[in-house]
Amino acid sequence: MSKREKSVQVTIDEQKLPDGQTMSVLKIGDETIGTVTPVEDRLEAQLNDGDVYRVKTVDEGVELLLRDYHLHRG
């Protein structure tokens, strides 16, 4: 027997930082799973457990956060 696919709603909320840049907050349901934040000339994807990864694009950061979520919690 195969498992049924679960429908999960993923949202990306954009928040303005005090320095004028935009931070993307990735949520599954009501749970925040991480953020993608511009830092100097690069982007950083930060997981809720404190791990920080350098990424080139917001899309790459979102993919990294989703992979970690599904690997450890999903």
PDB file of N, CA and C in Angstrom:
ATOM      1  N   MET A   1       0.833  -1.180   0.000  1.00  0.00           N
ATOM      2  CA  MET A   1       0.000   0.000   0.000  1.00  0.00           C
ATOM      3  C   MET A   1       0.876   1.242   0.000  1.00  0.00           C
ATOM      4  N   SER A   2       0.427   2.212  -0.699  1.00  0.00           N
ATOM      5  CA  SER A   2       1.174   3.468  -0.714  1.00  0.00           C
ATOM      6  C   SER A   2       0.515   4.467   0.236  1.00  0.00           C
ATOM      7  N   LYS A   3       1.327   5.377   0.685  1.00  0.00           N
ATOM      8  CA  LYS A   3       0.811   6.415   1.590  1.00  0.00           C
ATOM      9  C   LYS A   3       0.067   7.468   0.784  1.00  0.00           C
ATOM     10  N   ARG A   4      -0.894   8.077   1.428  1.00  0.00           N
ATOM     11  CA  ARG A   4      -1.599   9.193   0.798  1.00  0.00           C
ATOM     12  C   ARG A   4      -0.743  10.439   0.886  1.00  0.00           C
ATOM     13  N   GLU A   5      -0.879  11.263  -0.101  1.00  0.00           N
ATOM     14  CA  GLU A   5      -0.168  12.538  -0.068  1.00  0.00           C
ATOM     15  C   GLU A   5      -0.905  13.492   0.853  1.00  0.00           C
ATOM     16  N   LYS A   6      -0.130  14.194   1.682  1.00  0.00           N
ATOM     17  CA  LYS A   6      -0.717  15.182   2.572  1.00  0.00           C
ATOM     18  C   LYS A   6      -0.643  16.551   1.902  1.00  0.00           C
ATOM     19  N   SER A   7      -1.692  17.306   2.036  1.00  0.00           N
ATOM     20  CA  SER A   7      -1.710  18.668   1.531  1.00  0.00           C
ATOM     21  C   SER A   7      -1.260  19.595   2.653  1.00  0.00           C
ATOM     22  N   VAL A   8      -0.168  20.304   2.424  1.00  0.00           N
ATOM     23  CA  VAL A   8       0.398  21.189   3.435  1.00  0.00           C
ATOM     24  C   VAL A   8       0.449  22.593   2.855  1.00  0.00           C
ATOM     25  N   GLN A   9      -0.030  23.556   3.624  1.00  0.00           N
ATOM     26  CA  GLN A   9      -0.012  24.933   3.162  1.00  0.00           C
ATOM     27  C   GLN A   9       1.247  25.637   3.650  1.00  0.00           C
ATOM     28  N   VAL A  10       2.049  26.098   2.706  1.00  0.00           N
ATOM     29  CA  VAL A  10       3.285  26.811   3.006  1.00  0.00           C
ATOM     30  C   VAL A  10       3.078  28.278   2.629  1.00  0.00           C
ATOM     31  N   THR A  11       3.403  29.186   3.564  1.00  0.00           N
ATOM     32  CA  THR A  11       3.284  30.614   3.269  1.00  0.00           C
ATOM     33  C   THR A  11       4.614  31.302   3.516  1.00  0.00           C
ATOM     34  N   ILE A  12       4.854  32.339   2.739  1.00  0.00           N
ATOM     35  CA  ILE A  12       6.049  33.162   2.912  1.00  0.00           C
ATOM     36  C   ILE A  12       5.571  34.578   3.217  1.00  0.00           C
ATOM     37  N   ASP A  13       5.849  35.023   4.438  1.00  0.00           N
ATOM     38  CA  ASP A  13       5.486  36.375   4.849  1.00  0.00           C
ATOM     39  C   ASP A  13       6.715  37.261   4.715  1.00  0.00           C
ATOM     40  N   GLU A  14       6.531  38.414   4.125  1.00  0.00           N
ATOM     41  CA  GLU A  14       7.625  39.360   3.975  1.00  0.00           C
ATOM     42  C   GLU A  14       7.504  40.426   5.053  1.00  0.00           C
ATOM     43  N   GLN A  15       8.595  40.662   5.775  1.00  0.00           N
ATOM     44  CA  GLN A  15       8.608  41.668   6.831  1.00  0.00           C
ATOM     45  C   GLN A  15       9.734  42.650   6.567  1.00  0.00           C
ATOM     46  N   LYS A  16       9.452  43.932   6.773  1.00  0.00           N
ATOM     47  CA  LYS A  16      10.467  44.970   6.616  1.00  0.00           C
ATOM     48  C   LYS A  16      11.347  45.031   7.850  1.00  0.00           C
ATOM     49  N   LEU A  17      12.641  45.084   7.629  1.00  0.00           N
ATOM     50  CA  LEU A  17      13.602  45.237   8.723  1.00  0.00           C
ATOM     51  C   LEU A  17      13.848  46.724   8.965  1.00  0.00           C
ATOM     52  N   PRO A  18      14.353  47.088  10.136  1.00  0.00           N
ATOM     53  CA  PRO A  18      14.611  48.504  10.429  1.00  0.00           C
ATOM     54  C   PRO A  18      15.547  49.185   9.427  1.00  0.00           C
ATOM     55  N   ASP A  19      16.451  48.410   8.805  1.00  0.00           N
ATOM     56  CA  ASP A  19      17.383  49.003   7.835  1.00  0.00           C
ATOM     57  C   ASP A  19      16.783  49.125   6.435  1.00  0.00           C
ATOM     58  N   GLY A  20      15.487  48.770   6.275  1.00  0.00           N
ATOM     59  CA  GLY A  20      14.801  48.936   5.008  1.00  0.00           C
ATOM     60  C   GLY A  20      14.789  47.695   4.128  1.00  0.00           C
ATOM     61  N   GLN A  21      15.523  46.655   4.490  1.00  0.00           N
ATOM     62  CA  GLN A  21      15.540  45.440   3.691  1.00  0.00           C
ATOM     63  C   GLN A  21      14.366  44.541   4.084  1.00  0.00           C
ATOM     64  N   THR A  22      14.114  43.530   3.268  1.00  0.00           N
ATOM     65  CA  THR A  22      12.975  42.647   3.485  1.00  0.00           C
ATOM     66  C   THR A  22      13.435  41.266   3.925  1.00  0.00           C
ATOM     67  N   MET A  23      12.818  40.754   4.993  1.00  0.00           N
ATOM     68  CA  MET A  23      13.094  39.411   5.493  1.00  0.00           C
ATOM     69  C   MET A  23      11.907  38.526   5.133  1.00  0.00           C
ATOM     70  N   SER A  24      12.185  37.322   4.624  1.00  0.00           N
ATOM     71  CA  SER A  24      11.136  36.368   4.290  1.00  0.00           C
ATOM     72  C   SER A  24      11.014  35.357   5.419  1.00  0.00           C
ATOM     73  N   VAL A  25       9.791  35.186   5.938  1.00  0.00           N
ATOM     74  CA  VAL A  25       9.517  34.243   7.025  1.00  0.00           C
ATOM     75  C   VAL A  25       8.697  33.105   6.433  1.00  0.00           C
ATOM     76  N   LEU A  26       9.230  31.889   6.528  1.00  0.00           N
ATOM     77  CA  LEU A  26       8.578  30.719   5.962  1.00  0.00           C
ATOM     78  C   LEU A  26       7.769  30.012   7.039  1.00  0.00           C
ATOM     79  N   LYS A  27       6.469  29.787   6.752  1.00  0.00           N
ATOM     80  CA  LYS A  27       5.574  29.151   7.727  1.00  0.00           C
ATOM     81  C   LYS A  27       4.853  27.977   7.090  1.00  0.00           C
ATOM     82  N   ILE A  28       4.663  26.933   7.896  1.00  0.00           N
ATOM     83  CA  ILE A  28       3.815  25.813   7.514  1.00  0.00           C
ATOM     84  C   ILE A  28       2.695  25.795   8.542  1.00  0.00           C
ATOM     85  N   GLY A  29       1.498  26.106   8.083  1.00  0.00           N
ATOM     86  CA  GLY A  29       0.379  26.296   9.001  1.00  0.00           C
ATOM     87  C   GLY A  29       0.645  27.531   9.841  1.00  0.00           C
ATOM     88  N   ASP A  30       0.614  27.376  11.160  1.00  0.00           N
ATOM     89  CA  ASP A  30       0.921  28.492  12.060  1.00  0.00           C
ATOM     90  C   ASP A  30       2.353  28.434  12.570  1.00  0.00           C
ATOM     91  N   GLU A  31       3.088  27.383  12.215  1.00  0.00           N
ATOM     92  CA  GLU A  31       4.449  27.179  12.714  1.00  0.00           C
ATOM     93  C   GLU A  31       5.479  27.830  11.793  1.00  0.00           C
ATOM     94  N   THR A  32       6.328  28.680  12.371  1.00  0.00           N
ATOM     95  CA  THR A  32       7.430  29.279  11.616  1.00  0.00           C
ATOM     96  C   THR A  32       8.573  28.277  11.579  1.00  0.00           C
ATOM     97  N   ILE A  33       9.068  27.985  10.359  1.00  0.00           N
ATOM     98  CA  ILE A  33      10.147  27.004  10.253  1.00  0.00           C
ATOM     99  C   ILE A  33      11.498  27.650   9.989  1.00  0.00           C
ATOM    100  N   GLY A  34      11.521  28.921   9.603  1.00  0.00           N
ATOM    101  CA  GLY A  34      12.792  29.606   9.391  1.00  0.00           C
ATOM    102  C   GLY A  34      12.615  30.923   8.667  1.00  0.00           C
ATOM    103  N   THR A  35      13.759  31.596   8.465  1.00  0.00           N
ATOM    104  CA  THR A  35      13.748  32.895   7.797  1.00  0.00           C
ATOM    105  C   THR A  35      14.866  32.966   6.760  1.00  0.00           C
ATOM    106  N   VAL A  36      14.666  33.821   5.764  1.00  0.00           N
ATOM    107  CA  VAL A  36      15.707  34.150   4.789  1.00  0.00           C
ATOM    108  C   VAL A  36      15.911  35.650   4.899  1.00  0.00           C
ATOM    109  N   THR A  37      17.136  36.045   5.310  1.00  0.00           N
ATOM    110  CA  THR A  37      17.429  37.437   5.615  1.00  0.00           C
ATOM    111  C   THR A  37      18.626  37.926   4.815  1.00  0.00           C
ATOM    112  N   PRO A  38      18.546  39.134   4.230  1.00  0.00           N
ATOM    113  CA  PRO A  38      19.725  39.697   3.576  1.00  0.00           C
ATOM    114  C   PRO A  38      20.722  40.188   4.625  1.00  0.00           C
ATOM    115  N   VAL A  39      21.982  39.800   4.459  1.00  0.00           N
ATOM    116  CA  VAL A  39      23.053  40.224   5.351  1.00  0.00           C
ATOM    117  C   VAL A  39      24.196  40.710   4.477  1.00  0.00           C
ATOM    118  N   GLU A  40      24.477  42.003   4.554  1.00  0.00           N
ATOM    119  CA  GLU A  40      25.495  42.647   3.729  1.00  0.00           C
ATOM    120  C   GLU A  40      25.231  42.342   2.256  1.00  0.00           C
ATOM    121  N   ASP A  41      26.110  41.593   1.585  1.00  0.00           N
ATOM    122  CA  ASP A  41      25.957  41.346   0.149  1.00  0.00           C
ATOM    123  C   ASP A  41      25.478  39.922  -0.155  1.00  0.00           C
ATOM    124  N   ARG A  42      24.935  39.209   0.845  1.00  0.00           N
ATOM    125  CA  ARG A  42      24.485  37.838   0.643  1.00  0.00           C
ATOM    126  C   ARG A  42      23.167  37.612   1.386  1.00  0.00           C
ATOM    127  N   LEU A  43      22.655  36.408   1.277  1.00  0.00           N
ATOM    128  CA  LEU A  43      21.438  36.026   1.993  1.00  0.00           C
ATOM    129  C   LEU A  43      21.774  34.904   2.962  1.00  0.00           C
ATOM    130  N   GLU A  44      21.062  34.865   4.078  1.00  0.00           N
ATOM    131  CA  GLU A  44      21.233  33.798   5.055  1.00  0.00           C
ATOM    132  C   GLU A  44      19.883  33.169   5.349  1.00  0.00           C
ATOM    133  N   ALA A  45      19.857  31.835   5.299  1.00  0.00           N
ATOM    134  CA  ALA A  45      18.674  31.076   5.690  1.00  0.00           C
ATOM    135  C   ALA A  45      18.920  30.576   7.100  1.00  0.00           C
ATOM    136  N   GLN A  46      18.022  30.913   8.021  1.00  0.00           N
ATOM    137  CA  GLN A  46      18.188  30.513   9.413  1.00  0.00           C
ATOM    138  C   GLN A  46      17.040  29.616   9.825  1.00  0.00           C
ATOM    139  N   LEU A  47      17.408  28.442  10.350  1.00  0.00           N
ATOM    140  CA  LEU A  47      16.426  27.493  10.856  1.00  0.00           C
ATOM    141  C   LEU A  47      16.041  27.884  12.270  1.00  0.00           C
ATOM    142  N   ASN A  48      14.926  27.369  12.760  1.00  0.00           N
ATOM    143  CA  ASN A  48      14.482  27.680  14.120  1.00  0.00           C
ATOM    144  C   ASN A  48      15.425  27.155  15.186  1.00  0.00           C
ATOM    145  N   ASP A  49      16.198  26.111  14.876  1.00  0.00           N
ATOM    146  CA  ASP A  49      17.131  25.573  15.861  1.00  0.00           C
ATOM    147  C   ASP A  49      18.438  26.361  15.926  1.00  0.00           C
ATOM    148  N   GLY A  50      18.557  27.417  15.114  1.00  0.00           N
ATOM    149  CA  GLY A  50      19.712  28.294  15.182  1.00  0.00           C
ATOM    150  C   GLY A  50      20.740  28.099  14.084  1.00  0.00           C
ATOM    151  N   ASP A  51      20.635  27.032  13.295  1.00  0.00           N
ATOM    152  CA  ASP A  51      21.576  26.806  12.202  1.00  0.00           C
ATOM    153  C   ASP A  51      21.390  27.882  11.131  1.00  0.00           C
ATOM    154  N   VAL A  52      22.525  28.409  10.638  1.00  0.00           N
ATOM    155  CA  VAL A  52      22.495  29.457   9.623  1.00  0.00           C
ATOM    156  C   VAL A  52      23.277  28.978   8.404  1.00  0.00           C
ATOM    157  N   TYR A  53      22.694  29.161   7.215  1.00  0.00           N
ATOM    158  CA  TYR A  53      23.322  28.762   5.955  1.00  0.00           C
ATOM    159  C   TYR A  53      23.346  29.952   5.013  1.00  0.00           C
ATOM    160  N   ARG A  54      24.438  30.112   4.289  1.00  0.00           N
ATOM    161  CA  ARG A  54      24.522  31.154   3.259  1.00  0.00           C
ATOM    162  C   ARG A  54      23.910  30.613   1.983  1.00  0.00           C
ATOM    163  N   VAL A  55      23.071  31.424   1.357  1.00  0.00           N
ATOM    164  CA  VAL A  55      22.418  31.038   0.109  1.00  0.00           C
ATOM    165  C   VAL A  55      22.552  32.176  -0.887  1.00  0.00           C
ATOM    166  N   LYS A  56      22.379  31.849  -2.174  1.00  0.00           N
ATOM    167  CA  LYS A  56      22.535  32.860  -3.227  1.00  0.00           C
ATOM    168  C   LYS A  56      21.228  33.572  -3.544  1.00  0.00           C
ATOM    169  N   THR A  57      20.102  32.852  -3.419  1.00  0.00           N
ATOM    170  CA  THR A  57      18.809  33.447  -3.749  1.00  0.00           C
ATOM    171  C   THR A  57      17.787  33.111  -2.662  1.00  0.00           C
ATOM    172  N   VAL A  58      16.692  33.844  -2.660  1.00  0.00           N
ATOM    173  CA  VAL A  58      15.605  33.573  -1.719  1.00  0.00           C
ATOM    174  C   VAL A  58      15.019  32.195  -2.009  1.00  0.00           C
ATOM    175  N   ASP A  59      14.880  31.847  -3.289  1.00  0.00           N
ATOM    176  CA  ASP A  59      14.340  30.534  -3.652  1.00  0.00           C
ATOM    177  C   ASP A  59      15.207  29.403  -3.101  1.00  0.00           C
ATOM    178  N   GLU A  60      16.520  29.558  -3.183  1.00  0.00           N
ATOM    179  CA  GLU A  60      17.427  28.552  -2.651  1.00  0.00           C
ATOM    180  C   GLU A  60      17.260  28.425  -1.130  1.00  0.00           C
ATOM    181  N   GLY A  61      17.079  29.550  -0.450  1.00  0.00           N
ATOM    182  CA  GLY A  61      16.861  29.538   0.985  1.00  0.00           C
ATOM    183  C   GLY A  61      15.563  28.847   1.364  1.00  0.00           C
ATOM    184  N   VAL A  62      14.503  29.105   0.615  1.00  0.00           N
ATOM    185  CA  VAL A  62      13.205  28.475   0.872  1.00  0.00           C
ATOM    186  C   VAL A  62      13.316  26.965   0.665  1.00  0.00           C
ATOM    187  N   GLU A  63      13.984  26.542  -0.398  1.00  0.00           N
ATOM    188  CA  GLU A  63      14.166  25.115  -0.650  1.00  0.00           C
ATOM    189  C   GLU A  63      14.935  24.451   0.489  1.00  0.00           C
ATOM    190  N   LEU A  64      15.980  25.105   0.978  1.00  0.00           N
ATOM    191  CA  LEU A  64      16.776  24.567   2.081  1.00  0.00           C
ATOM    192  C   LEU A  64      15.925  24.411   3.343  1.00  0.00           C
ATOM    193  N   LEU A  65      15.130  25.414   3.657  1.00  0.00           N
ATOM    194  CA  LEU A  65      14.265  25.353   4.838  1.00  0.00           C
ATOM    195  C   LEU A  65      13.226  24.235   4.721  1.00  0.00           C
ATOM    196  N   LEU A  66      12.635  24.084   3.542  1.00  0.00           N
ATOM    197  CA  LEU A  66      11.646  23.029   3.331  1.00  0.00           C
ATOM    198  C   LEU A  66      12.279  21.640   3.409  1.00  0.00           C
ATOM    199  N   ARG A  67      13.469  21.494   2.818  1.00  0.00           N
ATOM    200  CA  ARG A  67      14.171  20.206   2.892  1.00  0.00           C
ATOM    201  C   ARG A  67      14.447  19.820   4.338  1.00  0.00           C
ATOM    202  N   ASP A  68      14.940  20.776   5.138  1.00  0.00           N
ATOM    203  CA  ASP A  68      15.231  20.493   6.528  1.00  0.00           C
ATOM    204  C   ASP A  68      13.959  20.130   7.283  1.00  0.00           C
ATOM    205  N   TYR A  69      12.889  20.835   7.033  1.00  0.00           N
ATOM    206  CA  TYR A  69      11.620  20.558   7.704  1.00  0.00           C
ATOM    207  C   TYR A  69      11.152  19.139   7.412  1.00  0.00           C
ATOM    208  N   HIS A  70      11.152  18.767   6.132  1.00  0.00           N
ATOM    209  CA  HIS A  70      10.670  17.441   5.753  1.00  0.00           C
ATOM    210  C   HIS A  70      11.611  16.340   6.212  1.00  0.00           C
ATOM    211  N   LEU A  71      12.892  16.608   6.290  1.00  0.00           N
ATOM    212  CA  LEU A  71      13.861  15.606   6.717  1.00  0.00           C
ATOM    213  C   LEU A  71      13.741  15.321   8.209  1.00  0.00           C
ATOM    214  N   HIS A  72      13.548  16.367   9.015  1.00  0.00           N
ATOM    215  CA  HIS A  72      13.582  16.193  10.471  1.00  0.00           C
ATOM    216  C   HIS A  72      12.216  16.187  11.142  1.00  0.00           C
ATOM    217  N   ARG A  73      11.222  16.835  10.558  1.00  0.00           N
ATOM    218  CA  ARG A  73       9.940  16.961  11.256  1.00  0.00           C
ATOM    219  C   ARG A  73       8.761  16.451  10.469  1.00  0.00           C
ATOM    220  N   GLY A  74       8.871  16.458   9.160  1.00  0.00           N
ATOM    221  CA  GLY A  74       7.698  16.134   8.340  1.00  0.00           C
ATOM    222  C   GLY A  74       7.534  14.729   8.109  1.00  0.00           C
TER     223      GLY A  74
END
